């Protein structure tokens, strides 16, 4: 396989533009680059989460998700291509069903926290939701594969459920939100 990146410091982005996979250049603050950057950040946060000990099935799942996120970034960096399919989302849905079956139902919202791995999983969920918002924003200006939007939506669900599973594995408890009553001043 040929080298994809032969030189890291090219200086071609010094004036605020960056190159896409098709060779075109766009501004670094373009919604497409924002979406790609948010996907990259999500991948990095998941990589950080993977530095913690966890069950092999969860580790494997998250590692596969990293590859899929790279695929999504690749598709977004090549406007007009559609390679991402619903197959990846179907896999997330199977995992969601499996993990949800082990969890008690929620009656309140869960506050992010717990062990370090659980908290990082909640952080990954929040970054995933931002990446989804960025992809939706891009889709309002340019064509975006709908399957990517569905995948990101389902991935945020899976990350939330995975955080709940990790909390139980680590003998942690979830902190549930307590609704505070605001008093009105008149």
N, C-alpha and C. Protein backbone atom coordinates (compact mmCIF):
# COMPACT_ATOMS: atom_id res chain seq x y z
N UNK A 1 0.84 -1.18 0.00
CA UNK A 1 0.00 0.00 0.00
C UNK A 1 0.88 1.25 0.00
N UNK A 2 0.56 2.17 -0.83
CA UNK A 2 1.32 3.42 -0.92
C UNK A 2 1.08 4.27 0.32
N UNK A 3 2.04 5.12 0.62
CA UNK A 3 1.87 6.04 1.74
C UNK A 3 0.79 7.06 1.41
N UNK A 4 -0.14 7.25 2.34
CA UNK A 4 -1.19 8.25 2.14
C UNK A 4 -0.70 9.63 2.53
N UNK A 5 0.11 9.69 3.56
CA UNK A 5 0.61 10.98 4.04
C UNK A 5 2.12 10.90 3.99
N UNK A 6 2.71 11.66 3.11
CA UNK A 6 4.16 11.63 2.97
C UNK A 6 4.83 12.78 3.70
N UNK A 7 4.06 13.82 3.99
CA UNK A 7 4.62 14.99 4.64
C UNK A 7 3.54 15.60 5.53
N UNK A 8 3.84 15.75 6.81
CA UNK A 8 2.83 16.26 7.73
C UNK A 8 2.74 17.78 7.67
N UNK A 9 3.84 18.46 7.64
CA UNK A 9 3.83 19.93 7.60
C UNK A 9 3.99 20.41 6.16
N UNK A 10 2.84 20.72 5.55
CA UNK A 10 2.86 21.14 4.14
C UNK A 10 2.78 22.64 3.96
N UNK A 11 2.33 23.33 4.99
CA UNK A 11 2.13 24.78 4.98
C UNK A 11 1.02 25.23 4.03
N UNK A 12 0.29 24.28 3.46
CA UNK A 12 -0.78 24.67 2.54
C UNK A 12 -1.99 25.23 3.27
N UNK A 13 -2.08 25.02 4.58
CA UNK A 13 -3.21 25.52 5.34
C UNK A 13 -2.94 26.81 6.09
N UNK A 14 -1.81 27.41 5.82
CA UNK A 14 -1.41 28.61 6.57
C UNK A 14 -2.35 29.80 6.36
N UNK A 15 -3.11 29.79 5.30
CA UNK A 15 -4.01 30.92 5.03
C UNK A 15 -5.47 30.60 5.32
N UNK A 16 -5.68 29.56 6.16
CA UNK A 16 -7.04 29.28 6.61
C UNK A 16 -7.85 28.34 5.73
N UNK A 17 -7.19 27.63 4.84
CA UNK A 17 -7.91 26.64 4.03
C UNK A 17 -7.31 25.27 4.28
N UNK A 18 -8.04 24.25 3.90
CA UNK A 18 -7.56 22.88 4.02
C UNK A 18 -8.02 22.09 2.81
N UNK A 19 -7.33 21.01 2.55
CA UNK A 19 -7.65 20.20 1.38
C UNK A 19 -8.59 19.06 1.70
N UNK A 20 -9.50 18.79 0.78
CA UNK A 20 -10.38 17.63 0.87
C UNK A 20 -9.75 16.49 0.09
N UNK A 21 -10.31 15.30 0.23
CA UNK A 21 -9.76 14.12 -0.43
C UNK A 21 -9.83 14.19 -1.95
N UNK A 22 -10.72 15.03 -2.48
CA UNK A 22 -10.82 15.16 -3.94
C UNK A 22 -9.84 16.21 -4.49
N UNK A 23 -9.02 16.78 -3.61
CA UNK A 23 -8.04 17.77 -4.03
C UNK A 23 -8.52 19.21 -3.94
N UNK A 24 -9.81 19.42 -3.73
CA UNK A 24 -10.32 20.79 -3.60
C UNK A 24 -9.93 21.37 -2.25
N UNK A 25 -9.98 22.67 -2.13
CA UNK A 25 -9.64 23.36 -0.89
C UNK A 25 -10.86 24.14 -0.42
N UNK A 26 -11.09 24.13 0.89
CA UNK A 26 -12.18 24.90 1.48
C UNK A 26 -11.67 25.55 2.77
N UNK A 27 -12.41 26.54 3.22
CA UNK A 27 -12.06 27.23 4.46
C UNK A 27 -12.10 26.26 5.64
N UNK A 28 -11.22 26.48 6.59
CA UNK A 28 -11.15 25.61 7.76
C UNK A 28 -12.37 25.74 8.67
N UNK A 29 -13.12 26.83 8.51
CA UNK A 29 -14.33 26.98 9.33
C UNK A 29 -15.60 26.59 8.56
N UNK A 30 -15.46 25.95 7.42
CA UNK A 30 -16.59 25.47 6.63
C UNK A 30 -17.33 24.38 7.43
N UNK A 31 -18.66 24.32 7.33
CA UNK A 31 -19.41 23.29 8.06
C UNK A 31 -18.92 21.86 7.80
N UNK A 32 -18.39 21.59 6.62
CA UNK A 32 -17.86 20.25 6.32
C UNK A 32 -16.64 19.95 7.20
N UNK A 33 -15.77 20.93 7.34
CA UNK A 33 -14.57 20.73 8.17
C UNK A 33 -14.95 20.66 9.64
N UNK A 34 -15.95 21.43 10.04
CA UNK A 34 -16.43 21.35 11.43
C UNK A 34 -16.94 19.94 11.72
N UNK A 35 -17.72 19.37 10.81
CA UNK A 35 -18.25 18.02 11.01
C UNK A 35 -17.11 17.00 11.06
N UNK A 36 -16.17 17.12 10.12
CA UNK A 36 -15.03 16.19 10.10
C UNK A 36 -14.23 16.33 11.40
N UNK A 37 -14.01 17.54 11.85
CA UNK A 37 -13.26 17.78 13.08
C UNK A 37 -13.96 17.21 14.30
N UNK A 38 -15.29 17.35 14.35
CA UNK A 38 -16.03 16.81 15.49
C UNK A 38 -16.01 15.28 15.49
N UNK A 39 -16.04 14.67 14.30
CA UNK A 39 -15.92 13.22 14.20
C UNK A 39 -14.53 12.79 14.69
N UNK A 40 -13.51 13.53 14.29
CA UNK A 40 -12.14 13.25 14.71
C UNK A 40 -12.00 13.38 16.23
N UNK A 41 -12.60 14.42 16.79
CA UNK A 41 -12.54 14.59 18.25
C UNK A 41 -13.25 13.43 18.95
N UNK A 42 -14.38 13.03 18.44
CA UNK A 42 -15.10 11.89 19.02
C UNK A 42 -14.23 10.65 18.98
N UNK A 43 -13.57 10.41 17.87
CA UNK A 43 -12.69 9.26 17.74
C UNK A 43 -11.57 9.33 18.78
N UNK A 44 -11.03 10.51 19.00
CA UNK A 44 -9.96 10.69 19.98
C UNK A 44 -10.46 10.45 21.40
N UNK A 45 -11.66 10.91 21.71
CA UNK A 45 -12.22 10.71 23.05
C UNK A 45 -12.48 9.22 23.28
N UNK A 46 -12.95 8.53 22.26
CA UNK A 46 -13.14 7.07 22.39
C UNK A 46 -11.79 6.39 22.58
N UNK A 47 -10.76 6.86 21.87
CA UNK A 47 -9.42 6.32 22.06
C UNK A 47 -8.95 6.49 23.49
N UNK A 48 -9.22 7.62 24.08
CA UNK A 48 -8.87 7.86 25.48
C UNK A 48 -9.65 6.92 26.40
N UNK A 49 -10.92 6.74 26.11
CA UNK A 49 -11.74 5.80 26.88
C UNK A 49 -11.15 4.39 26.80
N UNK A 50 -10.65 4.01 25.64
CA UNK A 50 -10.09 2.67 25.46
C UNK A 50 -8.81 2.45 26.25
N UNK A 51 -8.22 3.50 26.79
CA UNK A 51 -7.01 3.34 27.61
C UNK A 51 -7.34 2.76 28.99
N UNK A 52 -8.61 2.65 29.31
CA UNK A 52 -9.04 2.09 30.59
C UNK A 52 -9.37 0.61 30.43
N UNK A 53 -9.16 -0.13 31.51
CA UNK A 53 -9.54 -1.54 31.51
C UNK A 53 -11.06 -1.63 31.44
N UNK A 54 -11.53 -2.55 30.60
CA UNK A 54 -12.96 -2.79 30.47
C UNK A 54 -13.15 -4.17 29.88
N UNK A 55 -14.36 -4.69 29.94
CA UNK A 55 -14.61 -6.01 29.36
C UNK A 55 -14.22 -6.04 27.88
N UNK A 56 -13.74 -7.21 27.44
CA UNK A 56 -13.25 -7.35 26.07
C UNK A 56 -14.32 -7.02 25.03
N UNK A 57 -15.57 -7.38 25.28
CA UNK A 57 -16.61 -7.12 24.28
C UNK A 57 -16.84 -5.62 24.10
N UNK A 58 -16.79 -4.87 25.19
CA UNK A 58 -16.96 -3.42 25.09
C UNK A 58 -15.74 -2.80 24.42
N UNK A 59 -14.56 -3.25 24.79
CA UNK A 59 -13.33 -2.74 24.18
C UNK A 59 -13.35 -3.00 22.68
N UNK A 60 -13.70 -4.20 22.29
CA UNK A 60 -13.75 -4.56 20.86
C UNK A 60 -14.77 -3.68 20.13
N UNK A 61 -15.93 -3.51 20.72
CA UNK A 61 -16.98 -2.70 20.10
C UNK A 61 -16.51 -1.27 19.88
N UNK A 62 -15.89 -0.68 20.90
CA UNK A 62 -15.42 0.70 20.79
C UNK A 62 -14.29 0.82 19.77
N UNK A 63 -13.42 -0.17 19.70
CA UNK A 63 -12.34 -0.15 18.71
C UNK A 63 -12.92 -0.22 17.29
N UNK A 64 -13.94 -1.03 17.09
CA UNK A 64 -14.59 -1.11 15.78
C UNK A 64 -15.27 0.22 15.43
N UNK A 65 -15.86 0.84 16.44
CA UNK A 65 -16.50 2.15 16.23
C UNK A 65 -15.46 3.17 15.76
N UNK A 66 -14.26 3.10 16.32
CA UNK A 66 -13.21 4.03 15.87
C UNK A 66 -12.95 3.88 14.37
N UNK A 67 -12.88 2.66 13.90
CA UNK A 67 -12.66 2.44 12.46
C UNK A 67 -13.83 3.00 11.64
N UNK A 68 -15.04 2.79 12.14
CA UNK A 68 -16.22 3.30 11.45
C UNK A 68 -16.22 4.82 11.41
N UNK A 69 -15.83 5.45 12.51
CA UNK A 69 -15.76 6.91 12.53
C UNK A 69 -14.74 7.42 11.52
N UNK A 70 -13.65 6.69 11.35
CA UNK A 70 -12.66 7.07 10.33
C UNK A 70 -13.28 6.96 8.94
N UNK A 71 -14.09 5.91 8.73
CA UNK A 71 -14.81 5.76 7.45
C UNK A 71 -15.74 6.94 7.22
N UNK A 72 -16.44 7.36 8.26
CA UNK A 72 -17.36 8.50 8.14
C UNK A 72 -16.59 9.76 7.79
N UNK A 73 -15.50 10.01 8.50
CA UNK A 73 -14.67 11.17 8.19
C UNK A 73 -14.17 11.13 6.75
N UNK A 74 -13.81 9.94 6.29
CA UNK A 74 -13.36 9.78 4.91
C UNK A 74 -14.44 10.12 3.91
N UNK A 75 -15.66 9.65 4.18
CA UNK A 75 -16.76 9.97 3.27
C UNK A 75 -17.06 11.47 3.28
N UNK A 76 -17.03 12.08 4.46
CA UNK A 76 -17.29 13.52 4.53
C UNK A 76 -16.20 14.33 3.84
N UNK A 77 -14.98 13.77 3.78
CA UNK A 77 -13.89 14.52 3.15
C UNK A 77 -13.87 14.34 1.63
N UNK A 78 -14.79 13.54 1.12
CA UNK A 78 -14.87 13.32 -0.33
C UNK A 78 -16.30 13.61 -0.77
N UNK A 79 -16.64 14.90 -0.96
CA UNK A 79 -18.01 15.28 -1.30
C UNK A 79 -18.54 14.49 -2.50
N UNK A 80 -19.80 14.10 -2.38
CA UNK A 80 -20.45 13.39 -3.47
C UNK A 80 -20.33 11.88 -3.40
N UNK A 81 -19.57 11.37 -2.44
CA UNK A 81 -19.46 9.91 -2.32
C UNK A 81 -20.47 9.40 -1.29
N UNK A 82 -20.91 8.18 -1.49
CA UNK A 82 -21.83 7.52 -0.56
C UNK A 82 -21.40 6.07 -0.42
N UNK A 83 -20.57 5.82 0.59
CA UNK A 83 -20.08 4.46 0.82
C UNK A 83 -20.60 3.89 2.13
N UNK A 84 -21.03 4.75 3.01
CA UNK A 84 -21.48 4.33 4.34
C UNK A 84 -22.89 3.76 4.22
N UNK A 85 -23.12 2.59 4.81
CA UNK A 85 -24.43 1.93 4.71
C UNK A 85 -25.04 1.69 6.09
N UNK A 86 -26.27 1.25 6.08
CA UNK A 86 -27.00 0.99 7.31
C UNK A 86 -26.48 -0.22 8.07
N UNK A 87 -25.60 -1.01 7.46
CA UNK A 87 -25.05 -2.20 8.12
C UNK A 87 -24.37 -1.83 9.44
N UNK A 88 -23.63 -0.71 9.44
CA UNK A 88 -22.93 -0.30 10.65
C UNK A 88 -23.92 0.08 11.75
N UNK A 89 -24.99 0.73 11.38
CA UNK A 89 -26.00 1.12 12.36
C UNK A 89 -26.70 -0.11 12.92
N UNK A 90 -26.95 -1.11 12.09
CA UNK A 90 -27.59 -2.34 12.55
C UNK A 90 -26.76 -3.00 13.65
N UNK A 91 -25.45 -2.97 13.51
CA UNK A 91 -24.57 -3.55 14.53
C UNK A 91 -24.72 -2.79 15.86
N UNK A 92 -24.78 -1.46 15.78
CA UNK A 92 -24.99 -0.67 17.01
C UNK A 92 -26.31 -1.02 17.67
N UNK A 93 -27.35 -1.18 16.86
CA UNK A 93 -28.67 -1.50 17.40
C UNK A 93 -28.68 -2.85 18.11
N UNK A 94 -27.95 -3.83 17.59
CA UNK A 94 -27.85 -5.14 18.25
C UNK A 94 -27.19 -4.99 19.62
N UNK A 95 -26.12 -4.21 19.65
CA UNK A 95 -25.42 -4.00 20.92
C UNK A 95 -26.32 -3.25 21.91
N UNK A 96 -27.05 -2.26 21.41
CA UNK A 96 -27.97 -1.52 22.28
C UNK A 96 -28.98 -2.46 22.93
N UNK A 97 -29.57 -3.32 22.13
CA UNK A 97 -30.56 -4.27 22.67
C UNK A 97 -29.93 -5.18 23.71
N UNK A 98 -28.73 -5.68 23.42
CA UNK A 98 -28.06 -6.60 24.34
C UNK A 98 -27.75 -5.91 25.67
N UNK A 99 -27.16 -4.72 25.62
CA UNK A 99 -26.79 -4.03 26.86
C UNK A 99 -28.02 -3.52 27.61
N UNK A 100 -29.01 -3.03 26.88
CA UNK A 100 -30.22 -2.53 27.54
C UNK A 100 -30.93 -3.63 28.32
N UNK A 101 -30.86 -4.85 27.83
CA UNK A 101 -31.53 -5.97 28.49
C UNK A 101 -30.96 -6.22 29.88
N UNK A 102 -29.74 -5.76 30.15
CA UNK A 102 -29.11 -6.00 31.45
C UNK A 102 -29.32 -4.86 32.44
N UNK A 103 -29.93 -3.77 31.98
CA UNK A 103 -30.03 -2.57 32.80
C UNK A 103 -31.43 -2.36 33.36
N UNK A 104 -31.51 -1.83 34.59
CA UNK A 104 -32.82 -1.48 35.12
C UNK A 104 -33.36 -0.25 34.38
N UNK A 105 -34.68 -0.12 34.30
CA UNK A 105 -35.24 1.06 33.62
C UNK A 105 -34.90 2.34 34.39
N UNK A 106 -34.79 3.41 33.63
CA UNK A 106 -34.51 4.72 34.23
C UNK A 106 -35.81 5.46 34.51
N UNK A 107 -35.84 6.12 35.65
CA UNK A 107 -36.99 6.96 35.97
C UNK A 107 -36.60 8.44 36.01
N UNK A 108 -35.29 8.69 36.00
CA UNK A 108 -34.75 10.05 36.00
C UNK A 108 -33.54 10.08 35.08
N UNK A 109 -33.08 11.27 34.76
CA UNK A 109 -31.87 11.43 33.97
C UNK A 109 -30.66 11.04 34.82
N UNK A 110 -29.62 10.56 34.16
CA UNK A 110 -28.37 10.19 34.82
C UNK A 110 -27.39 11.35 34.65
N UNK A 111 -26.78 11.77 35.76
CA UNK A 111 -25.74 12.80 35.68
C UNK A 111 -24.44 12.15 35.23
N UNK A 112 -23.70 12.78 34.34
CA UNK A 112 -22.42 12.22 33.92
C UNK A 112 -21.47 12.12 35.11
N UNK A 113 -20.74 11.04 35.19
CA UNK A 113 -19.79 10.86 36.28
C UNK A 113 -19.55 9.39 36.54
N UNK A 114 -19.21 9.08 37.77
CA UNK A 114 -18.89 7.71 38.13
C UNK A 114 -17.40 7.50 38.10
N UNK A 115 -16.99 6.31 37.73
CA UNK A 115 -15.56 6.04 37.61
C UNK A 115 -15.01 6.83 36.43
N UNK A 116 -13.68 6.82 36.31
CA UNK A 116 -13.08 7.58 35.20
C UNK A 116 -13.54 7.05 33.84
N UNK A 117 -13.60 5.73 33.69
CA UNK A 117 -14.04 5.16 32.41
C UNK A 117 -15.49 5.53 32.12
N UNK A 118 -16.33 5.45 33.14
CA UNK A 118 -17.74 5.80 32.96
C UNK A 118 -17.89 7.27 32.58
N UNK A 119 -17.16 8.14 33.27
CA UNK A 119 -17.23 9.57 32.98
C UNK A 119 -16.72 9.86 31.56
N UNK A 120 -15.67 9.18 31.14
CA UNK A 120 -15.15 9.38 29.78
C UNK A 120 -16.15 8.88 28.74
N UNK A 121 -16.88 7.84 29.08
CA UNK A 121 -17.91 7.35 28.16
C UNK A 121 -19.03 8.38 28.03
N UNK A 122 -19.40 9.01 29.12
CA UNK A 122 -20.39 10.09 29.06
C UNK A 122 -19.85 11.26 28.24
N UNK A 123 -18.56 11.58 28.38
CA UNK A 123 -17.96 12.63 27.58
C UNK A 123 -18.01 12.27 26.09
N UNK A 124 -17.71 11.02 25.77
CA UNK A 124 -17.78 10.57 24.38
C UNK A 124 -19.20 10.73 23.84
N UNK A 125 -20.19 10.44 24.67
CA UNK A 125 -21.59 10.62 24.24
C UNK A 125 -21.88 12.08 23.93
N UNK A 126 -21.41 12.98 24.78
CA UNK A 126 -21.66 14.40 24.56
C UNK A 126 -20.96 14.89 23.29
N UNK A 127 -19.73 14.44 23.07
CA UNK A 127 -19.01 14.83 21.85
C UNK A 127 -19.70 14.23 20.63
N UNK A 128 -20.22 13.02 20.77
CA UNK A 128 -20.95 12.38 19.67
C UNK A 128 -22.18 13.20 19.29
N UNK A 129 -22.88 13.70 20.28
CA UNK A 129 -24.07 14.51 20.00
C UNK A 129 -23.68 15.81 19.28
N UNK A 130 -22.52 16.39 19.64
CA UNK A 130 -22.05 17.58 18.93
C UNK A 130 -21.69 17.22 17.49
N UNK A 131 -21.02 16.09 17.30
CA UNK A 131 -20.66 15.65 15.94
C UNK A 131 -21.93 15.45 15.10
N UNK A 132 -22.95 14.90 15.72
CA UNK A 132 -24.23 14.73 15.03
C UNK A 132 -24.82 16.09 14.64
N UNK A 133 -24.80 17.04 15.57
CA UNK A 133 -25.32 18.38 15.26
C UNK A 133 -24.54 19.02 14.12
N UNK A 134 -23.22 18.82 14.10
CA UNK A 134 -22.40 19.38 13.02
C UNK A 134 -22.75 18.74 11.68
N UNK A 135 -22.96 17.45 11.68
CA UNK A 135 -23.32 16.76 10.43
C UNK A 135 -24.70 17.21 9.96
N UNK A 136 -25.62 17.42 10.89
CA UNK A 136 -26.95 17.92 10.52
C UNK A 136 -26.83 19.33 9.94
N UNK A 137 -26.01 20.17 10.58
CA UNK A 137 -25.81 21.54 10.07
C UNK A 137 -25.24 21.49 8.65
N UNK A 138 -24.29 20.62 8.41
CA UNK A 138 -23.73 20.47 7.07
C UNK A 138 -24.80 20.03 6.08
N UNK A 139 -25.67 19.12 6.51
CA UNK A 139 -26.71 18.59 5.61
C UNK A 139 -27.71 19.66 5.18
N UNK A 140 -27.76 20.76 5.88
CA UNK A 140 -28.66 21.86 5.48
C UNK A 140 -28.08 22.68 4.34
N UNK A 141 -26.77 22.50 4.06
CA UNK A 141 -26.10 23.25 3.00
C UNK A 141 -25.64 22.36 1.86
N UNK A 142 -25.30 21.13 2.17
CA UNK A 142 -24.77 20.20 1.18
C UNK A 142 -25.33 18.82 1.46
N UNK A 143 -25.26 17.96 0.47
CA UNK A 143 -25.77 16.61 0.65
C UNK A 143 -24.88 15.82 1.60
N UNK A 144 -25.52 15.17 2.57
CA UNK A 144 -24.83 14.29 3.51
C UNK A 144 -25.60 12.98 3.52
N UNK A 145 -24.90 11.90 3.48
CA UNK A 145 -25.50 10.57 3.53
C UNK A 145 -26.34 10.45 4.80
N UNK A 146 -27.64 10.22 4.65
CA UNK A 146 -28.54 10.09 5.80
C UNK A 146 -28.10 8.99 6.76
N UNK A 147 -27.46 7.97 6.24
CA UNK A 147 -27.02 6.85 7.09
C UNK A 147 -25.99 7.32 8.12
N UNK A 148 -25.21 8.33 7.79
CA UNK A 148 -24.24 8.88 8.74
C UNK A 148 -24.98 9.54 9.90
N UNK A 149 -26.03 10.29 9.60
CA UNK A 149 -26.80 10.95 10.65
C UNK A 149 -27.46 9.93 11.57
N UNK A 150 -28.01 8.87 10.98
CA UNK A 150 -28.64 7.82 11.79
C UNK A 150 -27.60 7.13 12.67
N UNK A 151 -26.45 6.83 12.10
CA UNK A 151 -25.40 6.16 12.85
C UNK A 151 -24.97 6.99 14.06
N UNK A 152 -24.74 8.28 13.85
CA UNK A 152 -24.30 9.14 14.95
C UNK A 152 -25.36 9.23 16.04
N UNK A 153 -26.62 9.27 15.64
CA UNK A 153 -27.71 9.31 16.61
C UNK A 153 -27.71 8.03 17.45
N UNK A 154 -27.59 6.89 16.78
CA UNK A 154 -27.59 5.62 17.48
C UNK A 154 -26.33 5.45 18.32
N UNK A 155 -25.21 5.97 17.84
CA UNK A 155 -23.96 5.86 18.59
C UNK A 155 -24.05 6.61 19.91
N UNK A 156 -24.68 7.78 19.91
CA UNK A 156 -24.81 8.50 21.19
C UNK A 156 -25.65 7.68 22.17
N UNK A 157 -26.68 7.00 21.67
CA UNK A 157 -27.47 6.11 22.53
C UNK A 157 -26.60 4.99 23.09
N UNK A 158 -25.81 4.37 22.21
CA UNK A 158 -24.97 3.26 22.65
C UNK A 158 -23.94 3.72 23.68
N UNK A 159 -23.36 4.89 23.49
CA UNK A 159 -22.38 5.38 24.45
C UNK A 159 -23.01 5.64 25.81
N UNK A 160 -24.25 6.14 25.82
CA UNK A 160 -24.96 6.35 27.08
C UNK A 160 -25.19 5.02 27.78
N UNK A 161 -25.69 4.04 27.03
CA UNK A 161 -25.97 2.73 27.61
C UNK A 161 -24.66 2.07 28.06
N UNK A 162 -23.60 2.22 27.29
CA UNK A 162 -22.30 1.65 27.67
C UNK A 162 -21.80 2.28 28.97
N UNK A 163 -22.02 3.57 29.14
CA UNK A 163 -21.64 4.22 30.41
C UNK A 163 -22.40 3.60 31.57
N UNK A 164 -23.66 3.31 31.36
CA UNK A 164 -24.46 2.68 32.42
C UNK A 164 -23.94 1.27 32.72
N UNK A 165 -23.57 0.54 31.68
CA UNK A 165 -23.03 -0.81 31.88
C UNK A 165 -21.70 -0.74 32.62
N UNK A 166 -20.83 0.19 32.20
CA UNK A 166 -19.54 0.33 32.88
C UNK A 166 -19.72 0.68 34.35
N UNK A 167 -20.69 1.52 34.66
CA UNK A 167 -20.94 1.89 36.06
C UNK A 167 -21.28 0.65 36.89
N UNK A 168 -22.04 -0.25 36.33
CA UNK A 168 -22.40 -1.46 37.07
C UNK A 168 -21.23 -2.43 37.18
N UNK A 169 -20.47 -2.57 36.11
CA UNK A 169 -19.33 -3.47 36.13
C UNK A 169 -18.31 -3.02 37.18
N UNK A 170 -18.14 -1.73 37.29
CA UNK A 170 -17.15 -1.18 38.22
C UNK A 170 -17.74 -1.00 39.62
N UNK A 171 -18.88 -1.62 39.87
CA UNK A 171 -19.57 -1.53 41.16
C UNK A 171 -19.90 -0.10 41.53
N UNK A 172 -20.02 0.72 40.53
CA UNK A 172 -20.37 2.11 40.78
C UNK A 172 -21.88 2.30 40.77
N UNK A 173 -22.27 3.42 41.19
CA UNK A 173 -23.69 3.74 41.13
C UNK A 173 -23.85 4.94 40.22
N UNK A 174 -25.02 5.06 39.69
CA UNK A 174 -25.34 6.21 38.85
C UNK A 174 -25.96 7.28 39.72
N UNK A 175 -25.55 8.50 39.50
CA UNK A 175 -26.16 9.61 40.20
C UNK A 175 -27.32 10.10 39.35
N UNK A 176 -28.50 10.02 39.91
CA UNK A 176 -29.69 10.45 39.19
C UNK A 176 -29.97 11.92 39.47
N UNK A 177 -30.45 12.58 38.46
CA UNK A 177 -30.79 13.99 38.56
C UNK A 177 -31.94 14.17 39.54
N UNK A 178 -31.78 15.17 40.41
CA UNK A 178 -32.86 15.55 41.32
C UNK A 178 -33.39 16.89 40.82
N UNK A 179 -34.60 16.89 40.42
CA UNK A 179 -35.22 18.11 39.93
C UNK A 179 -35.33 19.11 41.07
N UNK A 180 -34.80 20.28 40.83
CA UNK A 180 -34.92 21.31 41.88
C UNK A 180 -36.10 22.21 41.51
N UNK A 181 -36.75 22.64 42.53
CA UNK A 181 -37.89 23.54 42.29
C UNK A 181 -37.40 24.97 42.40
N UNK A 182 -37.60 25.67 41.35
CA UNK A 182 -37.20 27.07 41.34
C UNK A 182 -38.34 27.91 41.91
N UNK A 183 -38.00 28.82 42.75
CA UNK A 183 -39.03 29.70 43.29
C UNK A 183 -39.07 30.95 42.45
N UNK A 184 -40.24 31.44 42.26
CA UNK A 184 -40.42 32.65 41.46
C UNK A 184 -40.33 33.87 42.35
N UNK A 185 -39.61 34.84 41.88
CA UNK A 185 -39.58 36.12 42.59
C UNK A 185 -40.43 37.09 41.80
N UNK A 186 -41.24 37.76 42.50
CA UNK A 186 -42.14 38.71 41.82
C UNK A 186 -41.97 40.09 42.31
